[in-house]
Protein backbone atom coordinates (compact mmCIF):
# COMPACT_ATOMS: atom_id res chain seq x y z
CA MET A 1 147.04 166.75 105.94
CA ILE A 2 146.80 169.43 108.59
CA TRP A 3 143.02 168.88 108.77
CA GLU A 4 143.37 165.31 110.00
CA ASP A 5 145.75 165.44 112.94
CA GLY A 6 143.38 167.02 115.48
CA LEU A 7 145.83 169.75 116.44
CA ILE A 8 145.29 173.50 116.46
CA ILE A 9 146.54 174.98 113.20
CA ASP A 10 149.13 177.69 113.78
CA HIS A 11 148.22 180.85 111.83
CA ALA A 12 151.89 181.86 111.79
CA LYS A 13 152.95 178.62 110.13
CA TYR A 14 150.15 178.30 107.55
CA ASP A 15 148.53 181.04 105.49
CA LEU A 16 144.92 179.91 105.25
CA SER A 17 143.47 183.33 104.48
CA ARG A 18 142.44 182.56 100.86
CA LEU A 19 140.98 179.07 100.88
CA GLU A 20 138.95 178.07 97.84
CA PHE A 21 137.57 174.62 97.16
CA VAL A 22 135.85 173.04 94.18
CA CYS A 23 132.84 171.05 95.35
CA GLU A 24 130.99 169.73 92.35
CA ASN A 25 127.58 168.49 93.40
CA SER A 26 124.02 168.08 92.23
CA GLY A 27 123.45 171.83 92.24
CA VAL A 28 122.72 172.36 95.93
CA MET A 29 125.59 172.90 98.31
CA THR A 30 124.95 171.33 101.73
CA ASP A 31 125.82 172.64 105.19
CA TYR A 32 128.59 170.04 105.46
CA ALA A 33 130.94 168.64 102.83
CA VAL A 34 134.38 167.06 102.73
CA THR A 35 136.96 168.05 100.15
CA ASP A 36 139.22 165.57 98.38
CA MET A 37 141.99 166.83 100.70
CA GLY A 38 140.09 165.59 103.77
CA CYS A 39 139.09 169.08 104.85
CA SER A 40 135.61 169.49 106.30
CA LEU A 41 133.64 172.44 104.96
CA VAL A 42 130.81 173.92 106.98
CA SER A 43 128.28 176.58 106.09
CA GLU A 44 127.72 179.71 108.15
CA ARG A 45 124.52 178.04 109.40
CA LEU A 46 126.34 174.93 110.68
CA LYS A 47 129.13 177.02 112.23
CA THR A 48 126.52 179.10 114.07
CA PHE A 49 124.68 175.93 115.15
CA PHE A 50 127.89 174.44 116.56
CA GLU A 51 128.86 177.62 118.39
CA SER A 52 125.39 178.26 119.83
CA ASN A 53 125.28 174.69 121.18
CA GLY A 54 128.60 174.81 123.01
CA ILE A 55 130.80 173.04 120.47
CA ASP A 56 134.10 174.82 120.98
CA ASN A 57 136.61 172.30 119.67
CA VAL A 58 136.45 173.46 116.03
CA GLN A 59 138.80 175.98 114.45
CA TYR A 60 137.27 177.83 111.46
CA PHE A 61 138.93 179.39 108.41
CA PRO A 62 136.86 181.44 105.91
CA ALA A 63 136.61 179.68 102.54
CA THR A 64 134.88 180.03 99.21
CA VAL A 65 133.33 177.20 97.23
CA ILE A 66 133.14 176.76 93.48
CA GLU A 67 130.30 174.42 92.55
CA ARG A 68 131.04 174.30 88.81
CA VAL A 69 134.14 175.27 86.87
CA GLY A 70 133.68 178.75 85.47
CA GLU A 71 131.13 179.85 88.08
CA LYS A 72 131.74 182.59 90.61
CA PRO A 73 132.93 181.35 94.03
CA LYS A 74 130.36 181.34 96.83
CA GLY A 75 131.23 182.71 100.25
CA GLY A 76 129.73 181.84 103.60
CA TYR A 77 131.71 178.64 104.11
CA TYR A 78 134.50 177.67 106.45
CA ALA A 79 137.24 175.07 106.48
CA ALA A 80 136.65 173.33 109.81
CA ASN A 81 139.52 171.89 111.79
CA PHE A 82 138.17 169.57 114.49
CA ILE A 83 140.49 169.81 117.50
CA GLY A 84 141.29 166.63 119.38
CA LEU A 85 140.89 163.07 118.23
CA LEU A 86 139.05 160.40 120.19
CA ASP A 87 140.57 156.90 120.42
CA CYS A 88 137.19 155.16 120.18
CA ILE A 89 137.48 152.39 117.58
CA ASP A 90 137.67 148.86 118.95
CA ARG A 91 140.35 147.58 116.56
CA GLU A 92 139.94 143.96 117.65
CA ALA A 93 136.16 143.77 117.20
CA SER A 94 135.88 146.00 114.11
CA GLU A 95 136.39 144.65 110.61
CA MET A 96 138.67 146.98 108.72
CA ASN A 97 141.37 147.43 106.14
CA ALA A 98 144.27 148.66 108.26
CA GLU A 99 148.02 148.57 108.61
CA GLU A 100 150.27 148.69 111.61
CA ASP A 101 152.10 151.91 112.40
CA GLU A 102 155.77 152.08 113.39
CA ASN A 103 154.79 150.89 116.90
CA GLY A 104 153.00 147.77 115.64
CA GLU A 105 149.53 149.20 116.38
CA LEU A 106 146.64 149.05 113.86
CA ASN A 107 146.48 152.83 113.56
CA ILE A 108 146.56 153.29 109.79
CA ILE A 109 142.92 152.63 108.90
CA PHE A 110 141.88 152.82 105.25
CA SER A 111 138.31 151.60 105.58
CA ILE A 112 135.97 150.03 108.11
CA ASP A 113 133.39 147.43 107.07
CA LYS A 114 132.06 146.70 110.56
CA LEU A 115 132.42 149.44 113.14
CA VAL A 116 132.58 148.67 116.85
CA LEU A 117 133.24 151.51 119.27
CA LYS A 118 134.83 151.09 122.66
CA ASP A 119 133.63 152.89 125.77
CA THR A 120 135.42 156.18 126.18
CA GLU A 121 135.16 159.16 128.47
CA ASP A 122 134.95 162.43 126.59
CA ASP A 123 133.41 165.75 127.57
CA ARG A 124 132.96 167.03 124.01
CA PHE A 125 129.65 166.92 122.18
CA LEU A 126 131.45 166.30 118.90
CA SER A 127 134.73 164.49 118.19
CA ARG A 128 136.62 162.97 115.30
CA ALA A 129 137.88 159.43 115.54
CA CYS A 130 141.57 158.81 115.93
CA SER A 131 143.11 156.95 112.95
CA PHE A 132 139.94 157.31 110.83
CA SER A 133 139.20 161.02 110.61
CA ARG A 134 136.19 160.60 108.30
CA LEU A 135 134.27 159.39 111.32
CA ILE A 136 132.71 162.17 113.39
CA LEU A 137 131.06 161.16 116.63
CA ILE A 138 128.40 163.05 118.53
CA ASP A 139 127.36 162.60 122.11
CA ASP A 140 123.96 160.93 122.64
CA SER A 141 122.77 164.01 124.54
CA PHE A 142 123.33 166.11 121.42
CA ILE A 143 121.35 163.94 118.95
CA GLU A 144 117.97 165.56 119.64
CA LYS A 145 119.38 169.06 119.08
CA PHE A 146 120.99 167.95 115.86
CA ASN A 147 117.89 166.15 114.55
CA GLY A 148 115.83 169.31 115.02
CA SER A 149 118.36 171.55 113.29
CA GLN A 150 117.59 170.87 109.59
CA ILE A 151 121.34 170.80 108.89
CA THR A 152 122.10 169.17 105.51
CA GLY A 153 125.04 167.05 104.39
CA LEU A 154 125.38 164.92 107.53
CA ARG A 155 123.77 161.60 108.40
CA LEU A 156 123.67 160.24 111.90
CA ILE A 157 124.27 156.51 111.90
CA GLU A 158 124.43 154.14 114.84
CA PRO A 159 127.80 152.28 114.81
CA GLU A 160 126.15 148.86 114.36
CA TRP A 161 124.53 150.06 111.12
CA TRP A 162 127.72 151.47 109.60
CA ASP A 163 128.35 149.98 106.14
CA GLY A 164 131.83 151.40 105.61
CA ILE A 165 130.99 153.44 102.53
CA ASN A 166 127.71 155.31 102.42
CA GLY A 167 126.65 154.83 106.00
CA ASP A 168 123.50 152.90 106.80
CA THR A 169 123.06 149.18 106.05
CA ARG A 170 119.36 149.13 106.92
CA ASP A 171 116.77 148.98 104.17
CA TYR A 172 114.18 151.68 104.33
């Protein structure tokens, strides 16, 4: 999918002017959601939060959301294309369901049961992981801003607590 490769989407090649997604939920749409096509959806509030905090590696496309079949679409959402992927997963130390690509590298990752990140140098506050685009990483310096934002739909989880499905393995 064009949302997962980390490249800028060419407006001349793809007509993304009328995006509409069905996001059935518990009745309250969050600031962040992921469609079944792997496309991240962000609210106007999250888009504004990203932009006002210097996150400039996201390309936005206006979208509408249908929460229930038969209801009127809601505006104020954007398909978010995160530009650039970060090669940050330690494939040797992590426990994952993966296959080798055509070069013999474990780059086709289906799921991760134990996540171990390798040290990387990156100047972005927010990045998506290479080979496992569900994983969005934020810089430690950005955590306090995010925690004070009241943004819904995202959970920040330390890598050692990642459970591979819903996030956090700790009991609360």
